[in-house]
Amino acid sequence: MTPSPTDKLQTQYIWRVKARLPERYRTPCKVLARGKLNTCLVEFEDGYRVTTSRNYLMKLETLQKRIAKRKGQNVNQKTIIDRGMENS
């Protein structure tokens, strides 16, 4: 399937919580809708959707910056996702 122009504009997020949906930890996702009281509808790459707090998400860019700052190196998106899959 070819990505639509709107898919390219969406910010990529990472599921950052192990307490809820631990199998999804560090899994890429996207926000489909934002609601009241800091909630959002999230869709993972496999099509699974969940309504959750936005506190459970982190922008991929933010995670990349934090890891690079800790290690003093550049980290790309593939590295972050690969690390998340190793932890599963």
N, C-alpha and C. Protein backbone atom coordinates (compact mmCIF):
# COMPACT_ATOMS: atom_id res chain seq x y z
N MET A 1 0.84 -1.18 0.00
CA MET A 1 0.00 0.00 0.00
C MET A 1 0.89 1.25 0.00
N THR A 2 0.57 2.21 -0.81
CA THR A 2 1.33 3.45 -0.88
C THR A 2 0.88 4.40 0.22
N PRO A 3 1.85 5.00 0.93
CA PRO A 3 1.47 5.94 1.98
C PRO A 3 0.85 7.20 1.39
N SER A 4 -0.18 7.70 2.02
CA SER A 4 -0.83 8.93 1.56
C SER A 4 -0.01 10.13 2.03
N PRO A 5 -0.23 11.28 1.41
CA PRO A 5 0.51 12.49 1.82
C PRO A 5 0.29 12.84 3.28
N THR A 6 -0.88 12.54 3.82
CA THR A 6 -1.14 12.86 5.22
C THR A 6 -0.35 11.95 6.15
N ASP A 7 -0.06 10.72 5.74
CA ASP A 7 0.76 9.82 6.56
C ASP A 7 2.16 10.39 6.75
N LYS A 8 2.69 11.02 5.73
CA LYS A 8 4.03 11.57 5.81
C LYS A 8 4.08 12.75 6.78
N LEU A 9 2.97 13.47 6.91
CA LEU A 9 2.93 14.64 7.77
C LEU A 9 2.71 14.30 9.23
N GLN A 10 2.19 13.11 9.51
CA GLN A 10 1.91 12.75 10.90
C GLN A 10 3.20 12.50 11.67
N THR A 11 3.21 12.97 12.90
CA THR A 11 4.36 12.75 13.77
C THR A 11 4.35 11.32 14.25
N GLN A 12 5.49 10.70 14.24
CA GLN A 12 5.62 9.32 14.70
C GLN A 12 5.81 9.31 16.21
N TYR A 13 5.11 8.44 16.88
CA TYR A 13 5.20 8.32 18.33
C TYR A 13 5.69 6.93 18.71
N ILE A 14 6.13 6.81 19.95
CA ILE A 14 6.57 5.54 20.52
C ILE A 14 5.74 5.30 21.78
N TRP A 15 5.27 4.08 21.98
CA TRP A 15 4.58 3.71 23.20
C TRP A 15 5.64 3.58 24.28
N ARG A 16 5.56 4.38 25.35
CA ARG A 16 6.66 4.48 26.29
C ARG A 16 6.41 3.85 27.66
N VAL A 17 5.30 3.13 27.84
CA VAL A 17 4.93 2.60 29.15
C VAL A 17 4.93 1.08 29.13
N LYS A 18 5.53 0.47 30.15
CA LYS A 18 5.52 -0.98 30.26
C LYS A 18 4.34 -1.48 31.09
N ALA A 19 3.77 -0.64 31.95
CA ALA A 19 2.71 -1.06 32.86
C ALA A 19 1.43 -1.44 32.10
N ARG A 20 1.08 -0.69 31.09
CA ARG A 20 -0.10 -0.97 30.28
C ARG A 20 0.38 -1.40 28.90
N LEU A 21 -0.12 -2.51 28.43
CA LEU A 21 0.29 -3.08 27.14
C LEU A 21 1.81 -3.25 27.07
N PRO A 22 2.39 -4.03 27.98
CA PRO A 22 3.86 -4.18 28.00
C PRO A 22 4.44 -4.74 26.71
N GLU A 23 3.65 -5.52 25.96
CA GLU A 23 4.14 -6.07 24.69
C GLU A 23 4.29 -4.99 23.63
N ARG A 24 3.72 -3.82 23.87
CA ARG A 24 3.81 -2.70 22.92
C ARG A 24 4.91 -1.71 23.28
N TYR A 25 5.67 -1.97 24.33
CA TYR A 25 6.70 -1.05 24.78
C TYR A 25 7.68 -0.73 23.65
N ARG A 26 7.91 0.55 23.42
CA ARG A 26 8.77 1.09 22.35
C ARG A 26 8.30 0.72 20.95
N THR A 27 7.02 0.47 20.80
CA THR A 27 6.46 0.17 19.49
C THR A 27 6.01 1.47 18.82
N PRO A 28 6.32 1.67 17.54
CA PRO A 28 5.87 2.87 16.84
C PRO A 28 4.35 2.90 16.72
N CYS A 29 3.78 4.09 16.81
CA CYS A 29 2.33 4.27 16.66
C CYS A 29 2.08 5.68 16.17
N LYS A 30 0.81 5.93 15.84
CA LYS A 30 0.44 7.28 15.43
C LYS A 30 -0.87 7.66 16.11
N VAL A 31 -1.02 8.95 16.36
CA VAL A 31 -2.22 9.47 17.01
C VAL A 31 -3.24 9.78 15.93
N LEU A 32 -4.41 9.16 16.03
CA LEU A 32 -5.47 9.39 15.05
C LEU A 32 -6.39 10.52 15.47
N ALA A 33 -6.64 10.65 16.78
CA ALA A 33 -7.53 11.69 17.28
C ALA A 33 -7.14 12.06 18.70
N ARG A 34 -7.39 13.30 19.05
CA ARG A 34 -7.14 13.77 20.41
C ARG A 34 -8.47 14.13 21.04
N GLY A 35 -8.64 13.76 22.30
CA GLY A 35 -9.88 14.04 23.00
C GLY A 35 -9.67 14.96 24.18
N LYS A 36 -10.71 15.07 24.99
CA LYS A 36 -10.63 15.88 26.19
C LYS A 36 -9.86 15.12 27.27
N LEU A 37 -9.47 15.84 28.30
CA LEU A 37 -8.78 15.25 29.45
C LEU A 37 -7.52 14.48 29.06
N ASN A 38 -6.79 15.00 28.07
CA ASN A 38 -5.49 14.46 27.67
C ASN A 38 -5.57 13.03 27.12
N THR A 39 -6.66 12.68 26.47
CA THR A 39 -6.79 11.35 25.88
C THR A 39 -6.53 11.41 24.38
N CYS A 40 -6.25 10.24 23.82
CA CYS A 40 -6.06 10.17 22.37
C CYS A 40 -6.35 8.75 21.89
N LEU A 41 -6.66 8.65 20.60
CA LEU A 41 -6.83 7.37 19.93
C LEU A 41 -5.54 7.08 19.19
N VAL A 42 -4.94 5.94 19.50
CA VAL A 42 -3.64 5.56 18.95
C VAL A 42 -3.80 4.32 18.08
N GLU A 43 -3.08 4.30 16.94
CA GLU A 43 -3.07 3.11 16.09
C GLU A 43 -1.63 2.65 15.92
N PHE A 44 -1.42 1.35 16.15
CA PHE A 44 -0.11 0.75 15.96
C PHE A 44 0.03 0.27 14.52
N GLU A 45 1.23 -0.10 14.13
CA GLU A 45 1.49 -0.50 12.74
C GLU A 45 0.68 -1.72 12.31
N ASP A 46 0.33 -2.59 13.26
CA ASP A 46 -0.45 -3.77 12.90
C ASP A 46 -1.95 -3.52 12.86
N GLY A 47 -2.37 -2.27 13.07
CA GLY A 47 -3.78 -1.91 12.98
C GLY A 47 -4.51 -1.89 14.31
N TYR A 48 -3.87 -2.34 15.38
CA TYR A 48 -4.49 -2.35 16.71
C TYR A 48 -4.67 -0.91 17.18
N ARG A 49 -5.88 -0.60 17.68
CA ARG A 49 -6.18 0.75 18.16
C ARG A 49 -6.53 0.72 19.63
N VAL A 50 -6.15 1.77 20.33
CA VAL A 50 -6.44 1.88 21.76
C VAL A 50 -6.63 3.36 22.11
N THR A 51 -7.56 3.62 23.04
CA THR A 51 -7.74 4.96 23.58
C THR A 51 -6.95 5.03 24.87
N THR A 52 -6.13 6.04 25.00
CA THR A 52 -5.23 6.11 26.15
C THR A 52 -4.89 7.55 26.50
N SER A 53 -4.13 7.72 27.56
CA SER A 53 -3.62 9.02 27.95
C SER A 53 -2.46 9.38 27.02
N ARG A 54 -2.34 10.64 26.70
CA ARG A 54 -1.21 11.08 25.87
C ARG A 54 0.10 11.00 26.63
N ASN A 55 0.04 10.86 27.95
CA ASN A 55 1.26 10.70 28.75
C ASN A 55 1.95 9.38 28.44
N TYR A 56 1.25 8.44 27.86
CA TYR A 56 1.83 7.13 27.55
C TYR A 56 2.62 7.13 26.25
N LEU A 57 2.62 8.25 25.56
CA LEU A 57 3.31 8.36 24.27
C LEU A 57 4.50 9.30 24.37
N MET A 58 5.44 9.08 23.47
CA MET A 58 6.58 9.98 23.34
C MET A 58 6.88 10.15 21.86
N LYS A 59 7.16 11.37 21.47
CA LYS A 59 7.54 11.59 20.07
C LYS A 59 8.85 10.86 19.81
N LEU A 60 8.95 10.28 18.64
CA LEU A 60 10.15 9.55 18.25
C LEU A 60 11.38 10.47 18.30
N GLU A 61 11.21 11.70 17.85
CA GLU A 61 12.31 12.66 17.86
C GLU A 61 12.84 12.89 19.27
N THR A 62 11.93 12.99 20.24
CA THR A 62 12.33 13.23 21.63
C THR A 62 13.13 12.05 22.16
N LEU A 63 12.68 10.84 21.87
CA LEU A 63 13.39 9.65 22.32
C LEU A 63 14.77 9.57 21.68
N GLN A 64 14.86 9.90 20.40
CA GLN A 64 16.15 9.90 19.71
C GLN A 64 17.12 10.88 20.36
N LYS A 65 16.63 12.07 20.69
CA LYS A 65 17.48 13.08 21.30
C LYS A 65 17.96 12.64 22.68
N ARG A 66 17.08 12.04 23.46
CA ARG A 66 17.46 11.59 24.80
C ARG A 66 18.52 10.49 24.75
N ILE A 67 18.34 9.55 23.86
CA ILE A 67 19.32 8.46 23.75
C ILE A 67 20.65 8.99 23.24
N ALA A 68 20.61 9.87 22.25
CA ALA A 68 21.84 10.44 21.71
C ALA A 68 22.57 11.26 22.77
N LYS A 69 21.82 11.96 23.59
CA LYS A 69 22.43 12.78 24.63
C LYS A 69 23.12 11.89 25.67
N ARG A 70 22.47 10.79 26.03
CA ARG A 70 23.05 9.86 27.01
C ARG A 70 24.32 9.21 26.50
N LYS A 71 24.30 8.82 25.23
CA LYS A 71 25.42 8.06 24.67
C LYS A 71 26.40 8.93 23.89
N GLY A 72 26.02 10.17 23.65
CA GLY A 72 26.89 11.06 22.91
C GLY A 72 27.03 10.68 21.45
N GLN A 73 25.97 10.14 20.85
CA GLN A 73 26.02 9.73 19.45
C GLN A 73 24.68 9.97 18.78
N ASN A 74 24.68 9.86 17.47
CA ASN A 74 23.44 9.98 16.71
C ASN A 74 22.75 8.63 16.65
N VAL A 75 21.43 8.64 16.84
CA VAL A 75 20.63 7.42 16.79
C VAL A 75 19.51 7.66 15.80
N ASN A 76 19.32 6.71 14.88
CA ASN A 76 18.26 6.88 13.89
C ASN A 76 17.00 6.12 14.30
N GLN A 77 15.91 6.33 13.57
CA GLN A 77 14.61 5.72 13.89
C GLN A 77 14.68 4.20 13.86
N LYS A 78 15.37 3.62 12.92
CA LYS A 78 15.45 2.16 12.82
C LYS A 78 16.10 1.56 14.06
N THR A 79 17.13 2.22 14.58
CA THR A 79 17.81 1.72 15.77
C THR A 79 16.85 1.68 16.96
N ILE A 80 16.05 2.72 17.13
CA ILE A 80 15.09 2.79 18.24
C ILE A 80 14.09 1.65 18.13
N ILE A 81 13.55 1.44 16.95
CA ILE A 81 12.54 0.41 16.74
C ILE A 81 13.15 -0.97 16.93
N ASP A 82 14.37 -1.19 16.43
CA ASP A 82 15.04 -2.48 16.59
C ASP A 82 15.29 -2.79 18.05
N ARG A 83 15.68 -1.79 18.83
CA ARG A 83 15.91 -2.00 20.26
C ARG A 83 14.61 -2.38 20.95
N GLY A 84 13.52 -1.76 20.53
CA GLY A 84 12.22 -2.07 21.13
C GLY A 84 11.81 -3.49 20.83
N MET A 85 12.11 -3.98 19.63
CA MET A 85 11.75 -5.35 19.26
C MET A 85 12.61 -6.37 20.01
N GLU A 86 13.88 -6.02 20.31
CA GLU A 86 14.75 -6.92 21.05
C GLU A 86 14.26 -7.12 22.48
N ASN A 87 13.66 -6.06 23.05
CA ASN A 87 13.20 -6.12 24.43
C ASN A 87 11.91 -6.90 24.57
N SER A 88 11.24 -7.18 23.47
CA SER A 88 9.94 -7.86 23.54
C SER A 88 10.09 -9.32 23.92
